């Protein structure tokens, strides 16, 4: 995942997309974008796009390059370990890239 500020049409946004796909080695995975504005809970589409804050997230795929693993990662637990057999537990791990 990568964080940035600005319009989805900006050069920084385009570079971030290319960096994520280069890190994962696959163009077949769905790209996700999380958008905020100055820490607000709502989002105003008519606002100045240059002030939009974004986090782009892309799944790592089958054979990710693990040599660029900076910072903290984010885990999303999809199953309850109290009701799901250990072999069937699923987790999504989100890791920043550089």
C-alpha atoms as a PDB file:
ATOM      1  CA  UNK A   1       0.000   0.000   0.000  1.00  0.00           C
ATOM      2  CA  UNK A   2       1.066   3.563  -0.670  1.00  0.00           C
ATOM      3  CA  UNK A   3      -0.195   6.878   0.698  1.00  0.00           C
ATOM      4  CA  UNK A   4      -0.354  10.183  -1.138  1.00  0.00           C
ATOM      5  CA  UNK A   5      -2.169  13.457  -1.677  1.00  0.00           C
ATOM      6  CA  UNK A   6      -3.749  14.755  -4.844  1.00  0.00           C
ATOM      7  CA  UNK A   7      -6.009  14.077  -7.750  1.00  0.00           C
ATOM      8  CA  UNK A   8      -6.324  10.598  -9.288  1.00  0.00           C
ATOM      9  CA  UNK A   9      -5.189  12.308 -12.501  1.00  0.00           C
ATOM     10  CA  UNK A  10      -1.931  13.541 -10.874  1.00  0.00           C
ATOM     11  CA  UNK A  11       1.544  12.317 -11.752  1.00  0.00           C
ATOM     12  CA  UNK A  12       2.087  11.187  -8.130  1.00  0.00           C
ATOM     13  CA  UNK A  13      -1.011   8.998  -8.253  1.00  0.00           C
ATOM     14  CA  UNK A  14       0.122   7.452 -11.557  1.00  0.00           C
ATOM     15  CA  UNK A  15       3.604   6.755 -10.154  1.00  0.00           C
ATOM     16  CA  UNK A  16       2.073   5.115  -7.078  1.00  0.00           C
ATOM     17  CA  UNK A  17      -0.054   2.811  -9.238  1.00  0.00           C
ATOM     18  CA  UNK A  18       2.995   1.806 -11.310  1.00  0.00           C
ATOM     19  CA  UNK A  19       5.090   1.195  -8.182  1.00  0.00           C
ATOM     20  CA  UNK A  20       2.450  -1.058  -6.663  1.00  0.00           C
ATOM     21  CA  UNK A  21       2.065  -3.143  -9.805  1.00  0.00           C
ATOM     22  CA  UNK A  22       5.866  -3.398 -10.116  1.00  0.00           C
ATOM     23  CA  UNK A  23       6.125  -4.579  -6.500  1.00  0.00           C
ATOM     24  CA  UNK A  24       3.453  -7.264  -6.922  1.00  0.00           C
ATOM     25  CA  UNK A  25       4.585  -8.436 -10.340  1.00  0.00           C
ATOM     26  CA  UNK A  26       1.021  -8.808 -11.618  1.00  0.00           C
ATOM     27  CA  UNK A  27      -1.429  -6.587 -13.455  1.00  0.00           C
ATOM     28  CA  UNK A  28      -4.303  -9.054 -12.917  1.00  0.00           C
ATOM     29  CA  UNK A  29      -5.077  -8.032  -9.331  1.00  0.00           C
ATOM     30  CA  UNK A  30      -7.704  -5.447  -8.290  1.00  0.00           C
ATOM     31  CA  UNK A  31      -6.347  -2.074  -7.170  1.00  0.00           C
ATOM     32  CA  UNK A  32      -8.145  -0.482  -4.195  1.00  0.00           C
ATOM     33  CA  UNK A  33      -8.173   3.206  -3.294  1.00  0.00           C
ATOM     34  CA  UNK A  34      -9.153   4.650   0.083  1.00  0.00           C
ATOM     35  CA  UNK A  35      -9.907   8.392  -0.072  1.00  0.00           C
ATOM     36  CA  UNK A  36     -10.210  11.009   2.679  1.00  0.00           C
ATOM     37  CA  UNK A  37     -10.331  14.784   3.017  1.00  0.00           C
ATOM     38  CA  UNK A  38      -8.634  16.447   5.956  1.00  0.00           C
ATOM     39  CA  UNK A  39      -9.608  13.620   8.319  1.00  0.00           C
ATOM     40  CA  UNK A  40     -13.334  14.168   7.731  1.00  0.00           C
ATOM     41  CA  UNK A  41     -15.840  11.330   7.960  1.00  0.00           C
ATOM     42  CA  UNK A  42     -17.659  12.433   4.806  1.00  0.00           C
ATOM     43  CA  UNK A  43     -16.290  12.966   1.297  1.00  0.00           C
ATOM     44  CA  UNK A  44     -17.196  15.848  -0.982  1.00  0.00           C
ATOM     45  CA  UNK A  45     -16.620  14.958  -4.655  1.00  0.00           C
ATOM     46  CA  UNK A  46     -16.896  18.588  -5.751  1.00  0.00           C
ATOM     47  CA  UNK A  47     -13.944  19.652  -3.548  1.00  0.00           C
ATOM     48  CA  UNK A  48     -10.457  20.498  -4.842  1.00  0.00           C
ATOM     49  CA  UNK A  49      -9.015  17.144  -5.962  1.00  0.00           C
ATOM     50  CA  UNK A  50      -5.481  18.373  -5.275  1.00  0.00           C
ATOM     51  CA  UNK A  51      -6.263  18.157  -1.537  1.00  0.00           C
ATOM     52  CA  UNK A  52      -7.635  14.599  -1.615  1.00  0.00           C
ATOM     53  CA  UNK A  53      -5.655  12.107   0.476  1.00  0.00           C
ATOM     54  CA  UNK A  54      -5.395   8.540  -0.744  1.00  0.00           C
ATOM     55  CA  UNK A  55      -4.091   5.118   0.179  1.00  0.00           C
ATOM     56  CA  UNK A  56      -3.689   2.670  -2.687  1.00  0.00           C
ATOM     57  CA  UNK A  57      -3.795  -1.034  -1.851  1.00  0.00           C
ATOM     58  CA  UNK A  58      -2.930  -3.933  -4.155  1.00  0.00           C
ATOM     59  CA  UNK A  59      -2.826  -7.656  -3.248  1.00  0.00           C
ATOM     60  CA  UNK A  60       0.672  -9.139  -3.373  1.00  0.00           C
ATOM     61  CA  UNK A  61      -0.229 -12.124  -5.548  1.00  0.00           C
ATOM     62  CA  UNK A  62       1.448 -15.524  -5.500  1.00  0.00           C
ATOM     63  CA  UNK A  63       5.163 -14.613  -5.433  1.00  0.00           C
ATOM     64  CA  UNK A  64       5.623 -11.117  -4.006  1.00  0.00           C
ATOM     65  CA  UNK A  65       9.019  -9.413  -3.824  1.00  0.00           C
ATOM     66  CA  UNK A  66       9.602  -9.350  -0.061  1.00  0.00           C
ATOM     67  CA  UNK A  67      12.859  -7.330  -0.206  1.00  0.00           C
ATOM     68  CA  UNK A  68      10.809  -3.960   0.220  1.00  0.00           C
ATOM     69  CA  UNK A  69       8.886  -4.471   3.439  1.00  0.00           C
ATOM     70  CA  UNK A  70       9.211  -1.150   5.318  1.00  0.00           C
ATOM     71  CA  UNK A  71       7.029   0.016   8.162  1.00  0.00           C
ATOM     72  CA  UNK A  72       4.061  -1.566   9.874  1.00  0.00           C
ATOM     73  CA  UNK A  73       1.652  -3.858   8.116  1.00  0.00           C
ATOM     74  CA  UNK A  74      -2.111  -4.050   8.535  1.00  0.00           C
ATOM     75  CA  UNK A  75      -3.895  -7.371   9.090  1.00  0.00           C
ATOM     76  CA  UNK A  76      -7.571  -8.057   8.430  1.00  0.00           C
ATOM     77  CA  UNK A  77      -8.845 -11.243  10.048  1.00  0.00           C
ATOM     78  CA  UNK A  78     -11.645 -12.735   7.955  1.00  0.00           C
ATOM     79  CA  UNK A  79     -12.586 -15.577  10.314  1.00  0.00           C
ATOM     80  CA  UNK A  80     -13.253 -16.003  14.023  1.00  0.00           C
ATOM     81  CA  UNK A  81     -10.583 -18.303  15.535  1.00  0.00           C
ATOM     82  CA  UNK A  82     -13.097 -19.388  18.179  1.00  0.00           C
ATOM     83  CA  UNK A  83     -15.445 -20.886  15.576  1.00  0.00           C
ATOM     84  CA  UNK A  84     -13.183 -21.672  12.600  1.00  0.00           C
ATOM     85  CA  UNK A  85     -10.697 -24.568  12.373  1.00  0.00           C
ATOM     86  CA  UNK A  86      -7.081 -23.274  12.406  1.00  0.00           C
ATOM     87  CA  UNK A  87      -6.357 -24.665   8.930  1.00  0.00           C
ATOM     88  CA  UNK A  88      -9.231 -22.626   7.477  1.00  0.00           C
ATOM     89  CA  UNK A  89      -8.429 -19.252   9.053  1.00  0.00           C
ATOM     90  CA  UNK A  90      -7.953 -16.475   6.477  1.00  0.00           C
ATOM     91  CA  UNK A  91      -6.059 -13.204   6.888  1.00  0.00           C
ATOM     92  CA  UNK A  92      -5.437 -10.296   4.545  1.00  0.00           C
ATOM     93  CA  UNK A  93      -2.066  -8.641   5.182  1.00  0.00           C
ATOM     94  CA  UNK A  94      -1.503  -5.107   3.878  1.00  0.00           C
ATOM     95  CA  UNK A  95       2.139  -4.044   3.704  1.00  0.00           C
ATOM     96  CA  UNK A  96       3.504  -0.664   2.595  1.00  0.00           C
ATOM     97  CA  UNK A  97       5.989  -0.649  -0.288  1.00  0.00           C
ATOM     98  CA  UNK A  98       8.598   1.906  -1.322  1.00  0.00           C
END
